Amino acid sequence: MVKAVSKPSLYLFTGEEFLRRNKIELLIDQLLPQELRSTNLTHLYQDDLDWNVIIEQASTPSLLGEAQIFWISQIDKLKKSDWSMFETYCSKPNPKSFFIFEAEELAETHPLAKLIQSCGKHIHSAEQGRETGLEAIRSKLRKFGKKITPDAWQMLEDRLGSSLRLMDLAMDQLVLYADHDTIDKSAVQTLTREFLQYEPFDLTEALAGRDIQKAIKIFHFFYELSGDMTSLVGLIHWQLKRIWQAKKIMAQGGGRDEMIKNLRVPPYRLNSFLNQAKQFDLQKIEKLLSQLGRIDWNSKSGAYDEKIAMEAFIVNVGAG
């Protein structure tokens, strides 16, 4: 008889939010029956964390006799916390209590990172890859007996800036409101008209036109919609990188067909996209991409407020 391998009681998930959340949900499904989530799953953020209360709960067996899970988000913002109490707990944990921590990134010197190395498991969503994230979105359709045509899928990617987070939100709407089992371009057009006041393309359009007020308004729309600054920075980065690639193609003598093929710019949008590209020189785009990288890194490390940093970035772009 093969002895079952016990699961670690301590997990750390890092990386892109949509991908890591997908992994976390899969793990929770393995550890806890769906009907016990309301009683045996506790999801906390850094402001809610009280080690005395949490450790007392974790040390006490569940009344229902099943596993209990403590899911703690934004753990990277707890750098100055005293981890000694949790370290003591980890020396003799309750085998039916599981801790799931998540963050964008976590320094190797962080107390939790050291604990994970000795008695837990670290799962980085980059290991999963973007294609797996897209497959998770497609599987949501299959689960509800629906499918999407290739041209509708391409339109969805383009209109949502290839953001996994926004595509997942949109897919929820399509599952609920699509009239037919096969989702086509017309369904995506209807959805984006009703679900989205703006598209990511509109943000770079406002930036190219130096319309700071409109750009800030669109930025706030997507920030409130997604609730995830990292994916929003990635969305803007994706739009600007396509403009950078277009400038490269033009500099090498490439034409419209090459841009449509390599950059996946729909023909109906190509003229507007090229007009955006004309508003930026190559050096300016490279500088903006570098600034976005710094904002992303410094926000994750807590160096400054990410929302204020992005607003300042937009103002800087608009000022030329």
Protein backbone atom coordinates (compact mmCIF):
# COMPACT_ATOMS: atom_id res chain seq x y z
CA MET A 1 0.00 0.00 0.00
CA VAL A 2 1.35 3.41 -1.00
CA LYS A 3 1.37 5.94 1.80
CA ALA A 4 -0.38 9.22 0.92
CA VAL A 5 1.92 12.21 0.77
CA SER A 6 0.81 14.91 3.21
CA LYS A 7 0.48 18.45 1.94
CA PRO A 8 2.52 21.33 3.38
CA SER A 9 0.60 23.49 5.85
CA LEU A 10 2.21 26.71 4.62
CA TYR A 11 2.03 28.17 1.08
CA LEU A 12 3.27 31.36 -0.55
CA PHE A 13 1.86 32.43 -3.94
CA THR A 14 3.52 35.28 -5.84
CA GLY A 15 3.31 36.80 -9.32
CA GLU A 16 0.55 38.19 -11.54
CA GLU A 17 -2.76 38.43 -9.66
CA PHE A 18 -5.06 36.54 -12.02
CA LEU A 19 -2.65 33.65 -12.44
CA ARG A 20 -1.84 33.31 -8.75
CA ARG A 21 -5.51 33.58 -7.74
CA ASN A 22 -6.32 30.78 -10.17
CA LYS A 23 -3.66 28.60 -8.51
CA ILE A 24 -4.93 29.49 -5.03
CA GLU A 25 -8.49 28.53 -5.94
CA LEU A 26 -7.30 25.17 -7.28
CA LEU A 27 -5.43 24.49 -4.03
CA ILE A 28 -8.43 25.44 -1.88
CA ASP A 29 -10.59 23.05 -3.91
CA GLN A 30 -8.13 20.27 -3.05
CA LEU A 31 -8.06 21.08 0.66
CA LEU A 32 -11.64 21.98 1.46
CA PRO A 33 -15.10 20.84 0.24
CA GLN A 34 -17.05 23.67 -1.43
CA GLU A 35 -19.86 23.47 1.12
CA LEU A 36 -17.45 24.28 3.99
CA ARG A 37 -15.92 27.43 2.49
CA SER A 38 -18.25 29.73 4.39
CA THR A 39 -17.22 28.26 7.75
CA ASN A 40 -13.67 26.94 7.32
CA LEU A 41 -12.09 29.51 4.98
CA THR A 42 -10.92 32.85 6.36
CA HIS A 43 -9.63 35.47 3.88
CA LEU A 44 -7.75 38.37 5.45
CA TYR A 45 -5.77 41.41 4.28
CA GLN A 46 -2.81 43.02 6.02
CA ASP A 47 -5.01 45.52 7.90
CA ASP A 48 -7.11 42.68 9.38
CA LEU A 49 -4.25 40.56 10.63
CA ASP A 50 -4.12 39.85 14.38
CA TRP A 51 -1.63 37.04 15.04
CA ASN A 52 -3.07 36.30 18.51
CA VAL A 53 -6.55 35.64 17.12
CA ILE A 54 -5.40 33.81 13.97
CA ILE A 55 -2.98 31.49 15.75
CA GLU A 56 -5.53 30.66 18.42
CA GLN A 57 -8.02 29.71 15.69
CA ALA A 58 -5.41 27.72 13.75
CA SER A 59 -4.36 25.82 16.87
CA THR A 60 -7.96 24.82 17.67
CA PRO A 61 -9.46 21.95 15.60
CA SER A 62 -12.45 22.83 13.44
CA LEU A 63 -15.82 21.92 14.97
CA LEU A 64 -16.67 20.10 11.74
CA GLY A 65 -13.47 18.07 11.83
CA GLU A 66 -12.31 19.21 8.38
CA ALA A 67 -9.39 21.37 7.28
CA GLN A 68 -9.42 25.09 8.00
CA ILE A 69 -7.69 27.58 5.72
CA PHE A 70 -6.33 31.04 6.49
CA TRP A 71 -5.79 32.97 3.25
CA ILE A 72 -3.82 36.18 3.83
CA SER A 73 -3.34 38.71 1.01
CA GLN A 74 -0.93 41.65 0.52
CA ILE A 75 1.60 40.05 2.83
CA ASP A 76 4.38 42.09 1.17
CA LYS A 77 3.04 45.13 3.06
CA LEU A 78 3.85 43.53 6.42
CA LYS A 79 7.64 43.87 6.23
CA LYS A 80 7.97 45.39 9.70
CA SER A 81 5.63 42.98 11.44
CA ASP A 82 6.81 40.75 14.24
CA TRP A 83 6.74 37.21 12.88
CA SER A 84 8.08 35.53 16.02
CA MET A 85 4.64 34.33 17.14
CA PHE A 86 3.92 32.74 13.78
CA GLU A 87 7.42 31.22 13.66
CA THR A 88 6.74 29.58 17.03
CA TYR A 89 3.42 28.23 15.74
CA CYS A 90 5.14 26.79 12.65
CA SER A 91 7.46 24.73 14.85
CA LYS A 92 4.44 22.63 15.85
CA PRO A 93 1.50 23.46 13.53
CA ASN A 94 -1.97 21.98 13.57
CA PRO A 95 -1.87 19.46 10.68
CA LYS A 96 -5.42 20.39 9.65
CA SER A 97 -4.79 24.14 9.49
CA PHE A 98 -3.38 25.57 6.27
CA PHE A 99 -1.97 29.05 5.69
CA ILE A 100 -2.01 30.58 2.20
CA PHE A 101 -0.09 33.84 1.80
CA GLU A 102 -0.04 35.90 -1.41
CA ALA A 103 1.88 38.89 -2.71
CA GLU A 104 3.08 40.32 -6.00
CA GLU A 105 6.69 39.60 -4.99
CA LEU A 106 8.51 38.93 -1.74
CA ALA A 107 12.16 39.56 -0.93
CA GLU A 108 14.25 36.51 -0.04
CA THR A 109 15.20 38.21 3.23
CA HIS A 110 11.56 38.50 4.33
CA PRO A 111 10.80 36.35 7.45
CA LEU A 112 8.00 34.55 5.61
CA ALA A 113 10.29 33.67 2.69
CA LYS A 114 12.69 32.02 5.14
CA LEU A 115 9.85 30.06 6.76
CA ILE A 116 8.63 28.88 3.36
CA GLN A 117 12.09 27.56 2.52
CA SER A 118 12.18 25.46 5.69
CA CYS A 119 8.61 24.19 6.02
CA GLY A 120 6.40 25.36 3.18
CA LYS A 121 5.97 25.69 -0.57
CA HIS A 122 6.45 28.72 -2.83
CA ILE A 123 4.45 28.86 -6.07
CA HIS A 124 5.21 31.68 -8.52
CA SER A 125 2.54 32.29 -11.15
CA ALA A 126 5.21 32.96 -13.83
CA GLU A 127 5.81 29.23 -13.77
CA GLN A 128 2.26 28.78 -14.96
CA GLY A 129 2.64 30.95 -18.04
CA ARG A 130 0.22 33.24 -19.82
CA GLU A 131 -1.18 30.50 -22.05
CA THR A 132 -2.30 28.54 -19.00
CA GLY A 133 -4.06 31.65 -17.74
CA LEU A 134 -5.88 32.00 -21.05
CA GLU A 135 -6.82 28.32 -20.89
CA ALA A 136 -8.32 28.90 -17.43
CA ILE A 137 -10.55 31.58 -18.97
CA ARG A 138 -11.55 29.27 -21.84
CA SER A 139 -12.37 26.49 -19.38
CA LYS A 140 -14.87 28.81 -17.72
CA LEU A 141 -16.79 28.88 -20.98
CA ARG A 142 -16.66 25.10 -21.36
CA LYS A 143 -17.89 24.65 -17.79
CA PHE A 144 -21.10 26.44 -18.72
CA GLY A 145 -21.48 24.72 -22.09
CA LYS A 146 -20.40 27.70 -24.20
CA LYS A 147 -17.67 28.32 -26.77
CA ILE A 148 -16.22 31.38 -28.47
CA THR A 149 -15.27 31.84 -32.12
CA PRO A 150 -11.61 32.67 -32.93
CA ASP A 151 -12.42 36.14 -34.27
CA ALA A 152 -14.53 36.91 -31.19
CA TRP A 153 -11.67 35.81 -28.95
CA GLN A 154 -9.22 38.03 -30.84
CA MET A 155 -11.61 40.98 -30.53
CA LEU A 156 -11.95 40.35 -26.79
CA GLU A 157 -8.16 40.36 -26.35
CA ASP A 158 -7.75 43.55 -28.35
CA ARG A 159 -10.55 45.45 -26.68
CA LEU A 160 -9.34 44.48 -23.21
CA GLY A 161 -5.68 45.19 -23.82
CA SER A 162 -4.82 41.49 -23.49
CA SER A 163 -5.36 41.83 -19.71
CA LEU A 164 -6.10 38.44 -18.14
CA ARG A 165 -7.90 40.13 -15.24
CA LEU A 166 -10.23 42.14 -17.50
CA MET A 167 -10.79 39.20 -19.85
CA ASP A 168 -11.84 37.05 -16.91
CA LEU A 169 -14.29 39.70 -15.73
CA ALA A 170 -15.67 40.00 -19.26
CA MET A 171 -16.02 36.22 -19.56
CA ASP A 172 -18.21 36.20 -16.44
CA GLN A 173 -20.52 38.66 -18.18
CA LEU A 174 -20.54 36.65 -21.41
CA VAL A 175 -21.43 33.45 -19.55
CA LEU A 176 -24.33 35.21 -17.83
CA TYR A 177 -25.77 37.23 -20.69
CA ALA A 178 -24.81 35.67 -24.04
CA ASP A 179 -27.99 34.56 -25.82
CA HIS A 180 -26.42 31.59 -27.60
CA ASP A 181 -24.02 28.78 -26.72
CA THR A 182 -21.54 30.05 -29.33
CA ILE A 183 -20.22 33.54 -28.58
CA ASP A 184 -19.40 35.48 -31.74
CA LYS A 185 -18.04 38.94 -32.53
CA SER A 186 -21.46 40.58 -32.23
CA ALA A 187 -21.80 39.26 -28.65
CA VAL A 188 -18.37 40.66 -27.75
CA GLN A 189 -19.24 43.99 -29.37
CA THR A 190 -22.47 44.18 -27.36
CA LEU A 191 -20.66 43.23 -24.16
CA THR A 192 -17.87 45.76 -24.52
CA ARG A 193 -20.40 48.47 -25.39
CA GLU A 194 -22.41 47.80 -22.21
CA PHE A 195 -19.70 46.53 -19.85
CA LEU A 196 -16.91 48.96 -20.75
CA GLN A 197 -17.27 52.71 -20.78
CA TYR A 198 -13.75 52.81 -22.26
CA GLU A 199 -11.28 50.45 -23.86
CA PRO A 200 -7.52 50.35 -23.08
CA PHE A 201 -6.93 51.76 -26.57
CA ASP A 202 -8.76 54.91 -25.45
CA LEU A 203 -6.16 55.51 -22.75
CA THR A 204 -3.22 55.62 -25.14
CA GLU A 205 -5.40 57.67 -27.51
CA ALA A 206 -5.85 60.27 -24.76
CA LEU A 207 -2.13 60.16 -23.92
CA ALA A 208 -1.17 60.60 -27.56
CA GLY A 209 -3.56 63.56 -27.80
CA ARG A 210 -2.10 65.06 -24.57
CA ASP A 211 -5.62 65.06 -23.07
CA ILE A 212 -4.54 64.66 -19.44
CA GLN A 213 -8.01 65.07 -17.92
CA LYS A 214 -9.48 62.31 -20.10
CA ALA A 215 -6.49 60.03 -19.58
CA ILE A 216 -6.82 60.35 -15.78
CA LYS A 217 -10.55 59.63 -16.03
CA ILE A 218 -9.96 56.47 -18.08
CA PHE A 219 -7.20 55.37 -15.72
CA HIS A 220 -9.58 55.68 -12.74
CA PHE A 221 -12.25 53.73 -14.63
CA PHE A 222 -9.96 50.73 -15.18
CA TYR A 223 -8.51 50.97 -11.66
CA GLU A 224 -11.98 50.78 -10.11
CA LEU A 225 -13.03 48.04 -12.52
CA SER A 226 -10.09 45.71 -11.96
CA GLY A 227 -9.02 46.70 -8.43
CA ASP A 228 -5.50 45.61 -9.35
CA MET A 229 -2.78 48.17 -10.00
CA THR A 230 -0.29 45.58 -11.26
CA SER A 231 -2.56 44.41 -14.07
CA LEU A 232 -3.38 48.03 -14.92
CA VAL A 233 0.31 48.93 -15.19
CA GLY A 234 0.70 45.84 -17.36
CA LEU A 235 -2.21 46.94 -19.53
CA ILE A 236 -0.66 50.38 -20.19
CA HIS A 237 2.74 48.75 -20.71
CA TRP A 238 1.20 46.40 -23.31
CA GLN A 239 -0.35 49.30 -25.24
CA LEU A 240 2.84 51.37 -25.23
CA LYS A 241 5.00 48.37 -26.13
CA ARG A 242 2.88 47.78 -29.24
CA ILE A 243 3.51 51.39 -30.24
CA TRP A 244 7.24 50.84 -29.64
CA GLN A 245 7.14 47.72 -31.83
CA ALA A 246 5.28 49.65 -34.53
CA LYS A 247 7.99 52.35 -34.49
CA LYS A 248 10.61 49.61 -34.89
CA ILE A 249 8.75 48.04 -37.82
CA MET A 250 8.38 51.42 -39.54
CA ALA A 251 12.08 52.20 -38.99
CA GLN A 252 12.97 48.92 -40.72
CA GLY A 253 10.72 49.65 -43.68
CA GLY A 254 7.86 47.37 -42.66
CA GLY A 255 4.31 48.15 -43.71
CA ARG A 256 0.69 47.80 -42.62
CA ASP A 257 0.39 44.08 -43.31
CA GLU A 258 3.36 43.32 -41.09
CA MET A 259 1.85 45.33 -38.22
CA ILE A 260 -1.51 43.60 -38.55
CA LYS A 261 0.19 40.21 -38.49
CA ASN A 262 2.87 40.74 -35.84
CA LEU A 263 1.14 43.18 -33.50
CA ARG A 264 -2.37 41.75 -33.88
CA VAL A 265 -3.81 45.20 -34.60
CA PRO A 266 -7.27 44.76 -36.19
CA PRO A 267 -7.50 46.34 -39.67
CA TYR A 268 -10.38 48.60 -38.56
CA ARG A 269 -8.15 50.08 -35.86
CA LEU A 270 -4.86 50.33 -37.74
CA ASN A 271 -5.18 53.97 -38.87
CA SER A 272 -5.94 55.19 -35.35
CA PHE A 273 -3.09 53.04 -33.98
CA LEU A 274 -0.63 54.51 -36.49
CA ASN A 275 -1.76 58.03 -35.61
CA GLN A 276 -0.96 57.24 -31.97
CA ALA A 277 2.47 55.94 -32.94
CA LYS A 278 3.24 59.16 -34.80
CA GLN A 279 2.76 61.17 -31.60
CA PHE A 280 5.73 59.48 -29.88
CA ASP A 281 9.33 59.17 -30.94
CA LEU A 282 11.20 55.95 -30.23
CA GLN A 283 13.33 57.42 -27.44
CA LYS A 284 10.25 58.79 -25.66
CA ILE A 285 8.47 55.41 -25.76
CA GLU A 286 11.54 53.62 -24.39
CA LYS A 287 11.75 56.16 -21.57
CA LEU A 288 8.05 55.67 -20.72
CA LEU A 289 8.41 51.88 -20.68
CA SER A 290 11.37 52.23 -18.34
CA GLN A 291 9.37 54.53 -16.04
CA LEU A 292 6.51 52.02 -15.91
CA GLY A 293 8.96 49.32 -14.91
CA ARG A 294 10.25 51.47 -12.05
CA ILE A 295 6.72 52.30 -10.90
CA ASP A 296 5.81 48.63 -10.86
CA TRP A 297 8.93 47.69 -8.89
CA ASN A 298 8.79 50.57 -6.39
CA SER A 299 5.06 50.06 -5.79
CA LYS A 300 5.63 46.39 -4.97
CA SER A 301 8.45 47.27 -2.61
CA GLY A 302 6.28 49.89 -0.88
CA ALA A 303 8.55 52.79 -1.85
CA TYR A 304 5.57 54.95 -2.78
CA ASP A 305 1.83 54.95 -3.42
CA GLU A 306 1.15 53.20 -6.74
CA LYS A 307 -2.00 55.16 -7.60
CA ILE A 308 -0.34 58.55 -7.07
CA ALA A 309 2.71 57.35 -9.04
CA MET A 310 0.55 56.34 -12.01
CA GLU A 311 -1.37 59.62 -11.96
CA ALA A 312 1.97 61.47 -12.00
CA PHE A 313 3.11 59.25 -14.89
CA ILE A 314 0.01 60.13 -16.93
CA VAL A 315 0.46 63.83 -16.26
CA ASN A 316 4.11 63.54 -17.33
CA VAL A 317 3.14 61.83 -20.60
CA GLY A 318 0.48 64.42 -21.30
CA ALA A 319 2.93 67.23 -20.69
CA GLY A 320 5.15 65.80 -23.42
